[in-house]
Protein backbone atom coordinates (compact mmCIF):
# COMPACT_ATOMS: atom_id res chain seq x y z
CA MET A 1 0.00 0.00 0.00
CA ILE A 2 1.21 3.51 -0.79
CA ASP A 3 0.81 5.71 2.27
CA ARG A 4 2.64 8.81 0.99
CA PHE A 5 3.93 10.23 -2.24
CA ALA A 6 7.64 10.16 -1.43
CA GLY A 7 10.68 8.32 -2.70
CA ARG A 8 9.84 5.97 -5.54
CA TYR A 9 6.17 7.06 -5.44
CA GLU A 10 6.81 10.80 -5.57
CA PHE A 11 5.87 10.90 -9.25
CA LEU A 12 2.28 10.00 -8.30
CA SER A 13 1.78 13.29 -6.44
CA ASN A 14 -0.18 16.02 -8.17
CA PHE A 15 2.63 18.32 -7.02
CA HIS A 16 5.29 16.37 -8.96
CA PRO A 17 6.68 18.27 -11.97
CA SER A 18 4.85 16.84 -14.97
CA PRO A 19 4.05 19.33 -17.74
CA ILE A 20 0.50 19.00 -19.06
CA ARG A 21 -0.81 20.83 -22.12
CA GLY A 22 -4.54 21.31 -21.72
CA SER A 23 -7.07 21.39 -24.54
CA ASP A 24 -7.11 25.14 -23.89
CA GLY A 25 -3.51 25.27 -25.19
CA ILE A 26 -2.09 26.28 -21.81
CA LEU A 27 0.94 24.44 -20.44
CA TYR A 28 0.51 23.51 -16.77
CA PRO A 29 3.68 22.59 -14.82
CA THR A 30 1.90 20.03 -12.60
CA ALA A 31 -1.43 18.23 -12.29
CA GLU A 32 -2.15 20.51 -9.32
CA HIS A 33 -1.75 23.59 -11.54
CA TYR A 34 -4.10 21.98 -14.10
CA PHE A 35 -6.76 21.11 -11.52
CA GLN A 36 -6.70 24.48 -9.76
CA ALA A 37 -6.77 26.43 -13.03
CA HIS A 38 -9.83 24.53 -14.23
CA LYS A 39 -11.85 25.80 -11.29
CA SER A 40 -12.37 28.83 -13.51
CA LEU A 41 -13.62 29.20 -17.08
CA LEU A 42 -11.76 32.50 -17.45
CA ARG A 43 -8.56 32.25 -19.50
CA THR A 44 -6.96 35.01 -17.43
CA ASP A 45 -7.51 33.00 -14.23
CA ARG A 46 -6.13 29.86 -15.86
CA LEU A 47 -3.02 31.64 -17.10
CA THR A 48 -2.44 33.14 -13.66
CA VAL A 49 -2.65 29.72 -11.99
CA ALA A 50 -0.53 28.07 -14.70
CA GLY A 51 2.15 30.70 -14.11
CA ALA A 52 2.36 30.05 -10.37
CA PRO A 53 5.95 29.21 -9.34
CA THR A 54 4.91 26.28 -7.11
CA PRO A 55 1.97 23.87 -6.78
CA ASN A 56 1.19 25.38 -3.36
CA ARG A 57 0.93 28.82 -4.93
CA ALA A 58 -1.27 27.38 -7.71
CA LYS A 59 -3.57 25.94 -5.04
CA TYR A 60 -3.80 29.33 -3.34
CA LEU A 61 -4.52 31.10 -6.64
CA GLY A 62 -7.08 28.47 -7.61
CA ARG A 63 -9.00 29.23 -4.44
CA ALA A 64 -9.03 32.92 -5.38
CA ALA A 65 -10.10 32.34 -9.00
CA THR A 66 -13.64 32.92 -10.26
CA LEU A 67 -15.31 29.59 -9.52
CA ARG A 68 -17.14 28.11 -12.47
CA PRO A 69 -20.83 27.47 -11.68
CA ASP A 70 -20.64 23.75 -12.47
CA TRP A 71 -17.46 23.03 -10.47
CA GLU A 72 -19.02 20.55 -8.05
CA VAL A 73 -20.34 18.55 -11.00
CA VAL A 74 -17.17 18.57 -13.15
CA LYS A 75 -14.29 18.53 -10.65
CA ILE A 76 -13.82 14.74 -10.59
CA GLY A 77 -13.79 14.66 -14.39
CA VAL A 78 -11.28 17.51 -14.45
CA MET A 79 -8.96 15.56 -12.15
CA ARG A 80 -9.37 12.38 -14.20
CA ASN A 81 -8.57 14.27 -17.38
CA GLY A 82 -5.53 15.93 -15.81
CA LEU A 83 -4.18 12.58 -14.63
CA ALA A 84 -4.85 10.99 -18.02
CA LEU A 85 -2.81 13.78 -19.63
CA LYS A 86 -0.08 13.45 -16.99
CA PHE A 87 0.41 9.74 -17.74
CA ALA A 88 -0.44 9.79 -21.47
CA PRO A 89 1.94 7.77 -23.66
CA ASN A 90 3.37 10.95 -25.23
CA SER A 91 3.89 12.73 -21.88
CA PRO A 92 7.28 12.76 -20.11
CA LEU A 93 6.00 10.35 -17.44
CA GLY A 94 4.36 8.13 -20.05
CA GLN A 95 7.60 7.99 -22.02
CA ALA A 96 9.59 7.14 -18.89
CA HIS A 97 7.17 4.33 -18.08
CA ARG A 98 7.48 2.98 -21.61
CA HIS A 99 11.26 2.87 -21.33
CA ARG A 100 11.10 1.12 -17.93
CA ARG A 101 8.73 -1.48 -19.33
CA ARG A 102 11.07 -2.21 -22.24
CA ALA A 103 13.92 -2.68 -19.78
CA SER A 104 11.91 -5.22 -17.80
CA PRO A 105 13.39 -8.73 -17.91
CA ARG A 106 10.04 -10.13 -19.00
CA GLY A 107 9.05 -7.15 -21.15
CA GLN A 108 5.52 -7.12 -19.81
CA LEU A 109 3.56 -4.31 -18.25
CA LEU A 110 2.32 -6.34 -15.29
CA GLY A 111 4.80 -9.24 -15.58
């Protein structure tokens, strides 16, 4: 069981550096930036959150953004989408996983 996102599991944290390009064309440095920015429908809010120097600052700015009226309905889907982009085959983390899998002695995903 994973009880914290540290050491070999650090990459699973939403605060881990993992650039995500959203469908809005904005590059988000972490999944946390992506999630917090999508609390708003305003591009200016999203750009402000995306430009935050740290995930903690992005979280703070996301709380100050103009909350979209449907947030409670869409927030789980937003997180799922952000994580799908974070681990997509063409993402840095997806590429790293692909290379690790190839290096596996059995060459299988779940060996």
